[in-house]
Amino acid sequence: MPCRAEEQLELALEDLLVAVAEEDDAPTHVCTIDYVAKMLDEDVELLEAIAYNNDNLTYGSIISVYVGPDETITALTDDGIDLVLRIKAKSPR
């Protein structure tokens, strides 16, 4: 039979795990930059220029996906796509 301190610790850990799970905003999907360009009917090179500029996208909005030992593709989260749309809306045509 567990002692009271062990029960309290176990309850505290369960509460912590629930709190972390509720705050977890990790993306469950991403879209490749090529696909985003097609969706937005935009030039891939323009989106790459926006994405690769560290001043534009926040941490976690752009993701490198390894498709081989030395090969990656760029993908954007929904937040990354929203940021691209806002940047495009602000820029002159």
C-alpha atoms as a PDB file:
ATOM      1  CA  MET A   1       0.000   0.000   0.000  1.00  0.00           C
ATOM      2  CA  PRO A   2       1.528   3.357  -1.041  1.00  0.00           C
ATOM      3  CA  CYS A   3       2.199   5.923   1.663  1.00  0.00           C
ATOM      4  CA  ARG A   4       0.517   9.343   1.690  1.00  0.00           C
ATOM      5  CA  ALA A   5       3.613  11.124   0.302  1.00  0.00           C
ATOM      6  CA  GLU A   6       3.759   8.731  -2.662  1.00  0.00           C
ATOM      7  CA  GLU A   7       0.054   9.288  -3.369  1.00  0.00           C
ATOM      8  CA  GLN A   8       0.507  13.061  -3.239  1.00  0.00           C
ATOM      9  CA  LEU A   9       3.512  12.879  -5.552  1.00  0.00           C
ATOM     10  CA  GLU A  10       1.604  10.693  -7.993  1.00  0.00           C
ATOM     11  CA  LEU A  11      -1.365  13.111  -7.986  1.00  0.00           C
ATOM     12  CA  ALA A  12       0.960  16.086  -8.469  1.00  0.00           C
ATOM     13  CA  LEU A  13       2.617  14.363 -11.449  1.00  0.00           C
ATOM     14  CA  GLU A  14      -0.781  13.594 -12.976  1.00  0.00           C
ATOM     15  CA  ASP A  15      -1.819  17.246 -12.554  1.00  0.00           C
ATOM     16  CA  LEU A  16       1.433  18.396 -14.153  1.00  0.00           C
ATOM     17  CA  LEU A  17       0.982  16.066 -17.119  1.00  0.00           C
ATOM     18  CA  VAL A  18      -2.577  17.293 -17.632  1.00  0.00           C
ATOM     19  CA  ALA A  19      -1.433  20.926 -17.456  1.00  0.00           C
ATOM     20  CA  VAL A  20       1.360  20.320 -19.961  1.00  0.00           C
ATOM     21  CA  ALA A  21      -1.009  18.482 -22.317  1.00  0.00           C
ATOM     22  CA  GLU A  22      -3.518  21.350 -22.151  1.00  0.00           C
ATOM     23  CA  GLU A  23      -0.801  23.916 -22.953  1.00  0.00           C
ATOM     24  CA  ASP A  24       0.792  21.871 -25.710  1.00  0.00           C
ATOM     25  CA  ASP A  25       0.304  23.747 -28.968  1.00  0.00           C
ATOM     26  CA  ALA A  26       2.548  21.478 -30.993  1.00  0.00           C
ATOM     27  CA  PRO A  27       1.401  21.246 -34.599  1.00  0.00           C
ATOM     28  CA  THR A  28      -0.196  18.006 -35.672  1.00  0.00           C
ATOM     29  CA  HIS A  29       0.448  18.626 -39.368  1.00  0.00           C
ATOM     30  CA  VAL A  30       2.537  20.782 -41.671  1.00  0.00           C
ATOM     31  CA  CYS A  31       2.384  21.737 -45.356  1.00  0.00           C
ATOM     32  CA  THR A  32       5.427  21.703 -47.597  1.00  0.00           C
ATOM     33  CA  ILE A  33       6.421  25.091 -48.926  1.00  0.00           C
ATOM     34  CA  ASP A  34       5.718  23.829 -52.458  1.00  0.00           C
ATOM     35  CA  TYR A  35       2.158  22.930 -51.459  1.00  0.00           C
ATOM     36  CA  VAL A  36       1.654  26.288 -49.729  1.00  0.00           C
ATOM     37  CA  ALA A  37       2.825  28.038 -52.906  1.00  0.00           C
ATOM     38  CA  LYS A  38       0.249  26.079 -54.917  1.00  0.00           C
ATOM     39  CA  MET A  39      -2.528  26.825 -52.412  1.00  0.00           C
ATOM     40  CA  LEU A  40      -1.733  30.535 -52.488  1.00  0.00           C
ATOM     41  CA  ASP A  41      -1.003  30.606 -56.221  1.00  0.00           C
ATOM     42  CA  GLU A  42       2.346  32.142 -55.351  1.00  0.00           C
ATOM     43  CA  ASP A  43       5.930  31.740 -56.494  1.00  0.00           C
ATOM     44  CA  VAL A  44       7.868  29.174 -54.429  1.00  0.00           C
ATOM     45  CA  GLU A  45      10.986  31.354 -54.462  1.00  0.00           C
ATOM     46  CA  LEU A  46       9.056  34.246 -52.890  1.00  0.00           C
ATOM     47  CA  LEU A  47       7.752  32.022 -50.110  1.00  0.00           C
ATOM     48  CA  GLU A  48      11.236  30.613 -49.541  1.00  0.00           C
ATOM     49  CA  ALA A  49      12.622  34.148 -49.263  1.00  0.00           C
ATOM     50  CA  ILE A  50       9.966  34.979 -46.668  1.00  0.00           C
ATOM     51  CA  ALA A  51      10.458  31.736 -44.765  1.00  0.00           C
ATOM     52  CA  TYR A  52      14.255  31.838 -44.699  1.00  0.00           C
ATOM     53  CA  ASN A  53      14.383  35.397 -43.367  1.00  0.00           C
ATOM     54  CA  ASN A  54      14.700  34.970 -39.601  1.00  0.00           C
ATOM     55  CA  ASP A  55      12.892  38.250 -38.981  1.00  0.00           C
ATOM     56  CA  ASN A  56       9.690  37.015 -40.609  1.00  0.00           C
ATOM     57  CA  LEU A  57       8.622  33.723 -39.067  1.00  0.00           C
ATOM     58  CA  THR A  58       8.525  32.797 -35.401  1.00  0.00           C
ATOM     59  CA  TYR A  59      10.236  29.761 -33.930  1.00  0.00           C
ATOM     60  CA  GLY A  60       8.323  26.608 -34.799  1.00  0.00           C
ATOM     61  CA  SER A  61       6.469  28.133 -37.759  1.00  0.00           C
ATOM     62  CA  ILE A  62       8.949  26.710 -40.238  1.00  0.00           C
ATOM     63  CA  ILE A  63      10.083  23.112 -40.020  1.00  0.00           C
ATOM     64  CA  SER A  64      12.800  21.199 -41.833  1.00  0.00           C
ATOM     65  CA  VAL A  65      11.701  17.678 -42.737  1.00  0.00           C
ATOM     66  CA  TYR A  66      14.438  15.161 -43.371  1.00  0.00           C
ATOM     67  CA  VAL A  67      13.662  13.025 -46.418  1.00  0.00           C
ATOM     68  CA  GLY A  68      17.104  11.450 -46.578  1.00  0.00           C
ATOM     69  CA  PRO A  69      20.434  11.529 -44.777  1.00  0.00           C
ATOM     70  CA  ASP A  70      21.465  14.846 -46.343  1.00  0.00           C
ATOM     71  CA  GLU A  71      18.198  16.086 -47.827  1.00  0.00           C
ATOM     72  CA  THR A  72      15.502  18.243 -46.273  1.00  0.00           C
ATOM     73  CA  ILE A  73      12.342  19.936 -47.438  1.00  0.00           C
ATOM     74  CA  THR A  74      10.795  23.001 -45.869  1.00  0.00           C
ATOM     75  CA  ALA A  75       7.350  22.858 -44.332  1.00  0.00           C
ATOM     76  CA  LEU A  76       5.153  25.446 -42.630  1.00  0.00           C
ATOM     77  CA  THR A  77       2.741  25.072 -39.762  1.00  0.00           C
ATOM     78  CA  ASP A  78      -0.660  26.762 -39.862  1.00  0.00           C
ATOM     79  CA  ASP A  79       0.887  29.645 -37.907  1.00  0.00           C
ATOM     80  CA  GLY A  80       3.651  29.870 -40.498  1.00  0.00           C
ATOM     81  CA  ILE A  81       1.112  30.036 -43.315  1.00  0.00           C
ATOM     82  CA  ASP A  82      -0.803  32.772 -41.459  1.00  0.00           C
ATOM     83  CA  LEU A  83       2.412  34.753 -41.013  1.00  0.00           C
ATOM     84  CA  VAL A  84       3.225  34.418 -44.723  1.00  0.00           C
ATOM     85  CA  LEU A  85      -0.265  35.673 -45.591  1.00  0.00           C
ATOM     86  CA  ARG A  86       0.141  38.689 -43.268  1.00  0.00           C
ATOM     87  CA  ILE A  87       3.551  39.527 -44.721  1.00  0.00           C
ATOM     88  CA  LYS A  88       2.195  39.277 -48.250  1.00  0.00           C
ATOM     89  CA  ALA A  89      -0.762  41.512 -47.345  1.00  0.00           C
ATOM     90  CA  LYS A  90       1.583  44.193 -45.998  1.00  0.00           C
ATOM     91  CA  SER A  91       4.003  44.150 -48.925  1.00  0.00           C
ATOM     92  CA  PRO A  92       3.411  46.269 -52.005  1.00  0.00           C
ATOM     93  CA  ARG A  93       2.750  44.435 -55.255  1.00  0.00           C
END
